[in-house]
Amino acid sequence: MTKQHAVSIVVMGTQGVGKSTVGRRLAEALGVAFVDGDDLHPERNIALMAAGTPLTDADREPWLHLVGGVLAERESSGGAVIACSALRRRYRDLIRAHVPHAYFVEPWGPIELVAERVGARDHEYMPATLLQSQYDTLEPLAADEDGIRVSVVSTPEEIVDIVLADYSGIRAEGGA
């Protein structure tokens, strides 16, 4: 018999790729809680982003540990899906320090498409001017990382279906 872990999924990527939308729908489909990592940022980070200042690794590190800690805490109640940029491998490793079997979903699209989406929405503190810095920072999921990269050209429903098929396959093999 294979060991099953609680659901521990991080929907990652730049602003405007649909992390929260996909994350909520994925959590609903899996019957677990959804947590928006934006809600976990300290006030200082929010103030920096609102001013158009990209966060440094030092700014992000405590937040990433909090994200990983929240994900780990949720395991006792079946798990969670959390939306968190986790743009660099190093950032994902910090989350994995708390939940080694975390599965990452990377909705991705060309910057021109994502910029259109960002321009059509109103975010509480994340200005569109930070999009380029996020693309500059982004390190796509590597082949040895548990997870999947999916095109944002697909609808949120299609993305969830693609993710569920991949994630279910991994769980059936005794992984995540």
N, C-alpha and C. Protein backbone atom coordinates (compact mmCIF):
# COMPACT_ATOMS: atom_id res chain seq x y z
N MET A 1 0.84 -1.19 0.00
CA MET A 1 0.00 0.00 0.00
C MET A 1 0.88 1.24 0.00
N THR A 2 0.55 2.22 -0.82
CA THR A 2 1.34 3.43 -0.89
C THR A 2 0.87 4.43 0.15
N LYS A 3 1.79 5.27 0.60
CA LYS A 3 1.46 6.29 1.58
C LYS A 3 0.82 7.48 0.87
N GLN A 4 -0.33 7.89 1.33
CA GLN A 4 -1.00 9.06 0.77
C GLN A 4 -0.74 10.26 1.69
N HIS A 5 -0.35 11.36 1.12
CA HIS A 5 -0.17 12.60 1.86
C HIS A 5 -1.43 13.44 1.73
N ALA A 6 -1.58 14.35 2.66
CA ALA A 6 -2.64 15.34 2.52
C ALA A 6 -2.36 16.17 1.27
N VAL A 7 -3.37 16.83 0.77
CA VAL A 7 -3.22 17.71 -0.39
C VAL A 7 -2.37 18.92 0.03
N SER A 8 -1.27 19.13 -0.66
CA SER A 8 -0.39 20.29 -0.42
C SER A 8 0.02 20.82 -1.78
N ILE A 9 -0.78 21.73 -2.30
CA ILE A 9 -0.57 22.26 -3.64
C ILE A 9 -0.33 23.76 -3.57
N VAL A 10 0.68 24.22 -4.30
CA VAL A 10 0.98 25.64 -4.42
C VAL A 10 0.75 26.03 -5.88
N VAL A 11 -0.13 26.99 -6.09
CA VAL A 11 -0.33 27.55 -7.43
C VAL A 11 0.56 28.78 -7.50
N MET A 12 1.56 28.72 -8.36
CA MET A 12 2.63 29.71 -8.39
C MET A 12 2.61 30.53 -9.67
N GLY A 13 3.44 31.56 -9.73
CA GLY A 13 3.61 32.33 -10.94
C GLY A 13 3.50 33.82 -10.72
N THR A 14 3.60 34.54 -11.81
CA THR A 14 3.54 36.00 -11.77
C THR A 14 2.12 36.47 -11.50
N GLN A 15 1.99 37.75 -11.24
CA GLN A 15 0.65 38.32 -11.14
C GLN A 15 -0.07 38.14 -12.47
N GLY A 16 -1.38 37.99 -12.41
CA GLY A 16 -2.17 37.96 -13.63
C GLY A 16 -2.29 36.63 -14.34
N VAL A 17 -1.67 35.56 -13.80
CA VAL A 17 -1.78 34.25 -14.46
C VAL A 17 -2.97 33.44 -13.94
N GLY A 18 -3.66 33.95 -12.94
CA GLY A 18 -4.84 33.26 -12.43
C GLY A 18 -4.58 32.37 -11.24
N LYS A 19 -3.54 32.67 -10.45
CA LYS A 19 -3.22 31.83 -9.30
C LYS A 19 -4.41 31.66 -8.37
N SER A 20 -5.05 32.76 -8.01
CA SER A 20 -6.17 32.69 -7.06
C SER A 20 -7.39 32.01 -7.68
N THR A 21 -7.70 32.33 -8.92
CA THR A 21 -8.85 31.72 -9.58
C THR A 21 -8.66 30.22 -9.71
N VAL A 22 -7.52 29.80 -10.23
CA VAL A 22 -7.24 28.38 -10.39
C VAL A 22 -7.14 27.71 -9.02
N GLY A 23 -6.48 28.36 -8.08
CA GLY A 23 -6.33 27.79 -6.74
C GLY A 23 -7.66 27.54 -6.06
N ARG A 24 -8.56 28.51 -6.12
CA ARG A 24 -9.89 28.34 -5.51
C ARG A 24 -10.63 27.16 -6.14
N ARG A 25 -10.62 27.11 -7.45
CA ARG A 25 -11.34 26.04 -8.16
C ARG A 25 -10.70 24.68 -7.89
N LEU A 26 -9.40 24.63 -7.82
CA LEU A 26 -8.70 23.39 -7.53
C LEU A 26 -9.01 22.92 -6.11
N ALA A 27 -8.97 23.84 -5.16
CA ALA A 27 -9.30 23.49 -3.77
C ALA A 27 -10.72 22.97 -3.66
N GLU A 28 -11.64 23.62 -4.35
CA GLU A 28 -13.04 23.18 -4.32
C GLU A 28 -13.16 21.77 -4.90
N ALA A 29 -12.49 21.51 -6.01
CA ALA A 29 -12.56 20.19 -6.65
C ALA A 29 -11.96 19.11 -5.75
N LEU A 30 -10.97 19.47 -4.95
CA LEU A 30 -10.31 18.50 -4.08
C LEU A 30 -10.92 18.45 -2.68
N GLY A 31 -11.83 19.37 -2.39
CA GLY A 31 -12.49 19.39 -1.08
C GLY A 31 -11.59 19.83 0.06
N VAL A 32 -10.68 20.76 -0.25
CA VAL A 32 -9.77 21.27 0.78
C VAL A 32 -9.85 22.80 0.82
N ALA A 33 -9.20 23.38 1.81
CA ALA A 33 -9.19 24.83 1.98
C ALA A 33 -8.33 25.50 0.90
N PHE A 34 -8.69 26.74 0.58
CA PHE A 34 -7.87 27.58 -0.27
C PHE A 34 -7.31 28.71 0.59
N VAL A 35 -6.02 29.00 0.42
CA VAL A 35 -5.38 30.10 1.12
C VAL A 35 -4.71 30.99 0.07
N ASP A 36 -4.97 32.29 0.13
CA ASP A 36 -4.31 33.22 -0.77
C ASP A 36 -3.07 33.75 -0.08
N GLY A 37 -1.91 33.43 -0.64
CA GLY A 37 -0.65 33.86 -0.06
C GLY A 37 -0.52 35.37 0.07
N ASP A 38 -1.24 36.12 -0.77
CA ASP A 38 -1.22 37.58 -0.65
C ASP A 38 -1.68 38.02 0.74
N ASP A 39 -2.60 37.26 1.33
CA ASP A 39 -3.12 37.61 2.65
C ASP A 39 -2.11 37.37 3.76
N LEU A 40 -1.02 36.70 3.46
CA LEU A 40 -0.01 36.37 4.46
C LEU A 40 1.18 37.34 4.44
N HIS A 41 1.22 38.23 3.45
CA HIS A 41 2.32 39.19 3.38
C HIS A 41 2.30 40.13 4.58
N PRO A 42 3.48 40.43 5.14
CA PRO A 42 3.54 41.45 6.18
C PRO A 42 3.27 42.84 5.58
N GLU A 43 2.83 43.73 6.42
CA GLU A 43 2.50 45.10 5.97
C GLU A 43 3.65 45.76 5.22
N ARG A 44 4.88 45.51 5.64
CA ARG A 44 6.04 46.13 4.98
C ARG A 44 6.11 45.69 3.52
N ASN A 45 5.92 44.41 3.25
CA ASN A 45 5.96 43.92 1.87
C ASN A 45 4.85 44.55 1.04
N ILE A 46 3.68 44.64 1.62
CA ILE A 46 2.54 45.24 0.91
C ILE A 46 2.85 46.70 0.57
N ALA A 47 3.43 47.42 1.52
CA ALA A 47 3.78 48.83 1.28
C ALA A 47 4.82 48.95 0.17
N LEU A 48 5.81 48.08 0.16
CA LEU A 48 6.83 48.11 -0.89
C LEU A 48 6.21 47.87 -2.26
N MET A 49 5.39 46.82 -2.36
CA MET A 49 4.76 46.50 -3.64
C MET A 49 3.82 47.61 -4.09
N ALA A 50 3.05 48.15 -3.16
CA ALA A 50 2.12 49.23 -3.50
C ALA A 50 2.86 50.45 -4.04
N ALA A 51 4.09 50.64 -3.57
CA ALA A 51 4.91 51.75 -4.04
C ALA A 51 5.63 51.42 -5.35
N GLY A 52 5.42 50.20 -5.86
CA GLY A 52 6.06 49.80 -7.11
C GLY A 52 7.46 49.27 -6.95
N THR A 53 7.83 48.92 -5.72
CA THR A 53 9.17 48.42 -5.43
C THR A 53 9.15 46.90 -5.39
N PRO A 54 9.92 46.25 -6.28
CA PRO A 54 9.98 44.79 -6.23
C PRO A 54 10.55 44.31 -4.89
N LEU A 55 10.05 43.19 -4.40
CA LEU A 55 10.57 42.62 -3.16
C LEU A 55 11.93 41.98 -3.41
N THR A 56 12.78 42.04 -2.40
CA THR A 56 14.08 41.36 -2.45
C THR A 56 13.91 39.96 -1.85
N ASP A 57 14.93 39.15 -2.00
CA ASP A 57 14.90 37.82 -1.38
C ASP A 57 14.74 37.94 0.13
N ALA A 58 15.39 38.93 0.73
CA ALA A 58 15.28 39.13 2.18
C ALA A 58 13.85 39.51 2.57
N ASP A 59 13.17 40.27 1.72
CA ASP A 59 11.77 40.62 1.98
C ASP A 59 10.88 39.38 1.89
N ARG A 60 11.17 38.52 0.94
CA ARG A 60 10.31 37.37 0.66
C ARG A 60 10.50 36.21 1.64
N GLU A 61 11.72 36.04 2.15
CA GLU A 61 12.02 34.82 2.91
C GLU A 61 11.08 34.57 4.09
N PRO A 62 10.85 35.52 4.99
CA PRO A 62 9.93 35.24 6.11
C PRO A 62 8.52 34.90 5.61
N TRP A 63 8.08 35.57 4.56
CA TRP A 63 6.76 35.29 3.98
C TRP A 63 6.70 33.87 3.42
N LEU A 64 7.74 33.44 2.72
CA LEU A 64 7.76 32.09 2.16
C LEU A 64 7.75 31.03 3.26
N HIS A 65 8.46 31.30 4.35
CA HIS A 65 8.41 30.36 5.48
C HIS A 65 7.00 30.31 6.08
N LEU A 66 6.34 31.45 6.14
CA LEU A 66 4.96 31.48 6.62
C LEU A 66 4.04 30.68 5.70
N VAL A 67 4.20 30.86 4.39
CA VAL A 67 3.41 30.10 3.41
C VAL A 67 3.62 28.60 3.62
N GLY A 68 4.87 28.17 3.74
CA GLY A 68 5.17 26.76 3.97
C GLY A 68 4.60 26.27 5.29
N GLY A 69 4.68 27.10 6.32
CA GLY A 69 4.15 26.74 7.63
C GLY A 69 2.64 26.57 7.60
N VAL A 70 1.95 27.48 6.92
CA VAL A 70 0.49 27.38 6.80
C VAL A 70 0.11 26.11 6.04
N LEU A 71 0.83 25.83 4.97
CA LEU A 71 0.56 24.62 4.20
C LEU A 71 0.77 23.37 5.07
N ALA A 72 1.82 23.36 5.86
CA ALA A 72 2.10 22.23 6.75
C ALA A 72 1.01 22.09 7.82
N GLU A 73 0.58 23.21 8.39
CA GLU A 73 -0.47 23.19 9.42
C GLU A 73 -1.78 22.62 8.88
N ARG A 74 -2.08 22.91 7.63
CA ARG A 74 -3.34 22.46 7.03
C ARG A 74 -3.36 20.96 6.74
N GLU A 75 -2.20 20.32 6.78
CA GLU A 75 -2.16 18.89 6.47
C GLU A 75 -2.99 18.06 7.45
N SER A 76 -3.07 18.51 8.70
CA SER A 76 -3.82 17.73 9.69
C SER A 76 -5.32 17.73 9.40
N SER A 77 -5.78 18.67 8.58
CA SER A 77 -7.20 18.72 8.23
C SER A 77 -7.44 18.36 6.76
N GLY A 78 -6.53 17.61 6.18
CA GLY A 78 -6.69 17.16 4.80
C GLY A 78 -5.87 17.90 3.78
N GLY A 79 -5.36 19.07 4.17
CA GLY A 79 -4.49 19.82 3.27
C GLY A 79 -5.10 21.11 2.77
N ALA A 80 -4.44 21.69 1.80
CA ALA A 80 -4.87 22.97 1.25
C ALA A 80 -4.22 23.21 -0.10
N VAL A 81 -4.81 24.15 -0.81
CA VAL A 81 -4.22 24.72 -2.01
C VAL A 81 -3.91 26.17 -1.65
N ILE A 82 -2.70 26.61 -1.93
CA ILE A 82 -2.31 27.98 -1.61
C ILE A 82 -1.77 28.66 -2.86
N ALA A 83 -2.17 29.90 -3.06
CA ALA A 83 -1.65 30.72 -4.16
C ALA A 83 -0.46 31.51 -3.62
N CYS A 84 0.68 31.37 -4.29
CA CYS A 84 1.91 32.04 -3.85
C CYS A 84 2.82 32.16 -5.06
N SER A 85 3.38 33.31 -5.29
CA SER A 85 4.18 33.51 -6.50
C SER A 85 5.31 32.48 -6.63
N ALA A 86 6.07 32.22 -5.58
CA ALA A 86 7.13 31.20 -5.60
C ALA A 86 7.90 31.20 -6.92
N LEU A 87 8.37 32.37 -7.33
CA LEU A 87 8.94 32.55 -8.66
C LEU A 87 10.27 31.84 -8.89
N ARG A 88 11.06 31.68 -7.86
CA ARG A 88 12.37 31.05 -8.02
C ARG A 88 12.39 29.66 -7.38
N ARG A 89 13.26 28.83 -7.90
CA ARG A 89 13.45 27.49 -7.33
C ARG A 89 13.77 27.61 -5.84
N ARG A 90 14.61 28.53 -5.50
CA ARG A 90 15.01 28.73 -4.10
C ARG A 90 13.79 29.01 -3.22
N TYR A 91 12.84 29.78 -3.74
CA TYR A 91 11.62 30.10 -2.97
C TYR A 91 10.78 28.84 -2.78
N ARG A 92 10.69 28.04 -3.83
CA ARG A 92 9.92 26.79 -3.74
C ARG A 92 10.60 25.83 -2.77
N ASP A 93 11.94 25.85 -2.74
CA ASP A 93 12.67 25.01 -1.80
C ASP A 93 12.37 25.41 -0.35
N LEU A 94 12.19 26.71 -0.09
CA LEU A 94 11.84 27.16 1.26
C LEU A 94 10.47 26.60 1.66
N ILE A 95 9.54 26.58 0.73
CA ILE A 95 8.21 26.00 1.02
C ILE A 95 8.35 24.50 1.23
N ARG A 96 9.14 23.84 0.39
CA ARG A 96 9.36 22.39 0.52
C ARG A 96 10.08 22.03 1.82
N ALA A 97 10.79 22.97 2.42
CA ALA A 97 11.42 22.70 3.72
C ALA A 97 10.35 22.40 4.77
N HIS A 98 9.16 22.95 4.58
CA HIS A 98 8.02 22.71 5.48
C HIS A 98 7.17 21.53 5.01
N VAL A 99 7.02 21.39 3.71
CA VAL A 99 6.18 20.33 3.12
C VAL A 99 6.95 19.73 1.94
N PRO A 100 7.79 18.74 2.21
CA PRO A 100 8.66 18.19 1.16
C PRO A 100 7.91 17.65 -0.06
N HIS A 101 6.69 17.20 0.12
CA HIS A 101 5.92 16.62 -0.99
C HIS A 101 4.99 17.63 -1.67
N ALA A 102 5.22 18.92 -1.42
CA ALA A 102 4.37 19.94 -2.06
C ALA A 102 4.42 19.80 -3.57
N TYR A 103 3.26 19.99 -4.18
CA TYR A 103 3.08 19.89 -5.64
C TYR A 103 2.82 21.30 -6.14
N PHE A 104 3.52 21.71 -7.19
CA PHE A 104 3.42 23.08 -7.70
C PHE A 104 2.70 23.11 -9.04
N VAL A 105 1.79 24.04 -9.16
CA VAL A 105 1.06 24.28 -10.41
C VAL A 105 1.54 25.63 -10.91
N GLU A 106 2.04 25.67 -12.14
CA GLU A 106 2.56 26.92 -12.71
C GLU A 106 1.75 27.34 -13.93
N PRO A 107 0.69 28.12 -13.71
CA PRO A 107 0.01 28.70 -14.88
C PRO A 107 0.98 29.69 -15.52
N TRP A 108 1.12 29.62 -16.84
CA TRP A 108 2.11 30.46 -17.51
C TRP A 108 1.57 30.92 -18.86
N GLY A 109 1.95 32.13 -19.23
CA GLY A 109 1.62 32.66 -20.53
C GLY A 109 2.62 33.73 -20.91
N PRO A 110 2.64 34.10 -22.18
CA PRO A 110 3.56 35.16 -22.62
C PRO A 110 3.23 36.48 -21.92
N ILE A 111 4.24 37.28 -21.69
CA ILE A 111 4.06 38.52 -20.93
C ILE A 111 3.03 39.44 -21.57
N GLU A 112 2.93 39.43 -22.89
CA GLU A 112 1.95 40.32 -23.55
C GLU A 112 0.52 39.95 -23.15
N LEU A 113 0.22 38.67 -23.12
CA LEU A 113 -1.11 38.20 -22.72
C LEU A 113 -1.38 38.50 -21.26
N VAL A 114 -0.41 38.21 -20.41
CA VAL A 114 -0.59 38.43 -18.98
C VAL A 114 -0.69 39.93 -18.69
N ALA A 115 0.07 40.75 -19.39
CA ALA A 115 -0.01 42.21 -19.20
C ALA A 115 -1.41 42.73 -19.54
N GLU A 116 -2.03 42.17 -20.58
CA GLU A 116 -3.41 42.55 -20.90
C GLU A 116 -4.33 42.25 -19.74
N ARG A 117 -4.18 41.07 -19.17
CA ARG A 117 -5.03 40.65 -18.05
C ARG A 117 -4.80 41.54 -16.83
N VAL A 118 -3.54 41.83 -16.55
CA VAL A 118 -3.21 42.66 -15.40
C VAL A 118 -3.79 44.07 -15.59
N GLY A 119 -3.72 44.57 -16.82
CA GLY A 119 -4.25 45.90 -17.10
C GLY A 119 -5.76 45.99 -16.98
N ALA A 120 -6.44 44.85 -17.09
CA ALA A 120 -7.90 44.83 -17.04
C ALA A 120 -8.43 44.57 -15.63
N ARG A 121 -7.55 44.49 -14.65
CA ARG A 121 -8.02 44.21 -13.29
C ARG A 121 -7.50 45.27 -12.33
N ASP A 122 -8.05 45.27 -11.15
CA ASP A 122 -7.63 46.21 -10.12
C ASP A 122 -7.19 45.40 -8.91
N HIS A 123 -5.89 45.40 -8.64
CA HIS A 123 -5.35 44.66 -7.49
C HIS A 123 -5.13 45.65 -6.36
N GLU A 124 -5.40 45.20 -5.17
CA GLU A 124 -5.31 46.05 -3.97
C GLU A 124 -3.97 46.77 -3.84
N TYR A 125 -2.85 46.07 -4.14
CA TYR A 125 -1.55 46.71 -3.94
C TYR A 125 -0.50 46.34 -4.98
N MET A 126 -0.82 45.47 -5.93
CA MET A 126 0.18 45.00 -6.88
C MET A 126 0.06 45.74 -8.20
N PRO A 127 0.89 46.76 -8.43
CA PRO A 127 0.78 47.51 -9.69
C PRO A 127 1.30 46.73 -10.89
N ALA A 128 0.74 47.02 -12.03
CA ALA A 128 1.14 46.36 -13.27
C ALA A 128 2.61 46.59 -13.60
N THR A 129 3.16 47.66 -13.07
CA THR A 129 4.56 47.99 -13.34
C THR A 129 5.54 46.94 -12.80
N LEU A 130 5.08 46.09 -11.90
CA LEU A 130 5.95 45.06 -11.34
C LEU A 130 5.97 43.77 -12.17
N LEU A 131 5.13 43.69 -13.19
CA LEU A 131 5.05 42.46 -13.98
C LEU A 131 6.38 42.10 -14.62
N GLN A 132 7.05 43.05 -15.24
CA GLN A 132 8.32 42.75 -15.90
C GLN A 132 9.34 42.21 -14.91
N SER A 133 9.41 42.80 -13.71
CA SER A 133 10.38 42.31 -12.72
C SER A 133 10.04 40.88 -12.30
N GLN A 134 8.75 40.54 -12.29
CA GLN A 134 8.38 39.17 -11.95
C GLN A 134 8.81 38.19 -13.05
N TYR A 135 8.62 38.58 -14.29
CA TYR A 135 9.08 37.72 -15.40
C TYR A 135 10.60 37.59 -15.39
N ASP A 136 11.30 38.66 -15.02
CA ASP A 136 12.75 38.61 -14.94
C ASP A 136 13.21 37.66 -13.83
N THR A 137 12.42 37.55 -12.78
CA THR A 137 12.74 36.72 -11.63
C THR A 137 12.33 35.26 -11.83
N LEU A 138 11.27 35.03 -12.60
CA LEU A 138 10.68 33.70 -12.74
C LEU A 138 11.67 32.64 -13.22
N GLU A 139 11.74 31.56 -12.46
CA GLU A 139 12.45 30.35 -12.85
C GLU A 139 11.39 29.27 -12.99
N PRO A 140 11.10 28.84 -14.22
CA PRO A 140 10.06 27.83 -14.42
C PRO A 140 10.35 26.56 -13.62
N LEU A 141 9.29 25.81 -13.36
CA LEU A 141 9.47 24.53 -12.68
C LEU A 141 10.50 23.70 -13.43
N ALA A 142 11.39 23.09 -12.70
CA ALA A 142 12.41 22.22 -13.30
C ALA A 142 11.86 20.80 -13.40
N ALA A 143 12.48 20.01 -14.24
CA ALA A 143 12.01 18.64 -14.48
C ALA A 143 12.00 17.80 -13.20
N ASP A 144 12.86 18.12 -12.24
CA ASP A 144 12.92 17.33 -11.00
C ASP A 144 12.01 17.87 -9.90
N GLU A 145 11.19 18.88 -10.20
CA GLU A 145 10.25 19.41 -9.22
C GLU A 145 8.87 18.80 -9.46
N ASP A 146 8.21 18.39 -8.36
CA ASP A 146 6.85 17.85 -8.48
C ASP A 146 5.90 18.97 -8.87
N GLY A 147 5.26 18.81 -10.01
CA GLY A 147 4.31 19.82 -10.43
C GLY A 147 4.12 19.82 -11.93
N ILE A 148 3.41 20.84 -12.39
CA ILE A 148 3.06 20.93 -13.80
C ILE A 148 2.97 22.41 -14.21
N ARG A 149 3.43 22.69 -15.42
CA ARG A 149 3.27 24.02 -16.03
C ARG A 149 2.12 23.91 -17.01
N VAL A 150 1.17 24.84 -16.91
CA VAL A 150 0.00 24.83 -17.78
C VAL A 150 -0.19 26.18 -18.44
N SER A 151 -0.69 26.17 -19.65
CA SER A 151 -0.88 27.40 -20.41
C SER A 151 -2.10 28.16 -19.91
N VAL A 152 -1.94 29.48 -19.73
CA VAL A 152 -3.07 30.30 -19.32
C VAL A 152 -3.99 30.64 -20.49
N VAL A 153 -3.64 30.14 -21.67
CA VAL A 153 -4.56 30.29 -22.81
C VAL A 153 -5.80 29.43 -22.56
N SER A 154 -5.61 28.33 -21.82
CA SER A 154 -6.73 27.47 -21.43
C SER A 154 -7.60 28.20 -20.42
N THR A 155 -8.86 27.80 -20.33
CA THR A 155 -9.77 28.38 -19.33
C THR A 155 -9.38 27.87 -17.94
N PRO A 156 -9.80 28.55 -16.89
CA PRO A 156 -9.53 28.03 -15.54
C PRO A 156 -10.05 26.61 -15.35
N GLU A 157 -11.21 26.32 -15.91
CA GLU A 157 -11.78 24.97 -15.78
C GLU A 157 -10.88 23.94 -16.47
N GLU A 158 -10.39 24.29 -17.66
CA GLU A 158 -9.49 23.37 -18.38
C GLU A 158 -8.18 23.18 -17.61
N ILE A 159 -7.68 24.25 -17.06
CA ILE A 159 -6.44 24.17 -16.28
C ILE A 159 -6.65 23.23 -15.09
N VAL A 160 -7.74 23.39 -14.38
CA VAL A 160 -8.03 22.52 -13.23
C VAL A 160 -8.12 21.06 -13.67
N ASP A 161 -8.79 20.80 -14.78
CA ASP A 161 -8.88 19.42 -15.28
C ASP A 161 -7.51 18.84 -15.60
N ILE A 162 -6.65 19.63 -16.24
CA ILE A 162 -5.29 19.19 -16.57
C ILE A 162 -4.50 18.89 -15.30
N VAL A 163 -4.60 19.79 -14.33
CA VAL A 163 -3.87 19.62 -13.07
C VAL A 163 -4.37 18.40 -12.32
N LEU A 164 -5.68 18.26 -12.23
CA LEU A 164 -6.24 17.11 -11.50
C LEU A 164 -5.80 15.78 -12.12
N ALA A 165 -5.76 15.72 -13.44
CA ALA A 165 -5.32 14.48 -14.11
C ALA A 165 -3.87 14.18 -13.76
N ASP A 166 -3.00 15.19 -13.79
CA ASP A 166 -1.59 14.99 -13.47
C ASP A 166 -1.41 14.66 -12.00
N TYR A 167 -2.05 15.41 -11.14
CA TYR A 167 -1.92 15.23 -9.70
C TYR A 167 -2.46 13.87 -9.26
N SER A 168 -3.59 13.46 -9.81
CA SER A 168 -4.16 12.15 -9.49
C SER A 168 -3.22 11.03 -9.91
N GLY A 169 -2.56 11.19 -11.05
CA GLY A 169 -1.60 10.20 -11.52
C GLY A 169 -0.43 10.07 -10.57
N ILE A 170 0.05 11.19 -10.06
CA ILE A 170 1.17 11.18 -9.13
C ILE A 170 0.75 10.52 -7.82
N ARG A 171 -0.42 10.87 -7.32
CA ARG A 171 -0.91 10.28 -6.06
C ARG A 171 -1.11 8.79 -6.21
N ALA A 172 -1.59 8.35 -7.37
CA ALA A 172 -1.80 6.91 -7.60
C ALA A 172 -0.47 6.15 -7.59
N GLU A 173 0.61 6.85 -7.95
CA GLU A 173 1.93 6.22 -7.95
C GLU A 173 2.58 6.26 -6.58
N GLY A 174 1.90 6.89 -5.61
CA GLY A 174 2.44 6.96 -4.25
C GLY A 174 3.24 8.21 -3.97
N GLY A 175 3.17 9.20 -4.87
CA GLY A 175 3.88 10.46 -4.66
C GLY A 175 3.06 11.40 -3.82
N ALA A 176 2.99 12.65 -4.27
CA ALA A 176 2.31 13.71 -3.53
C ALA A 176 1.02 13.23 -2.95
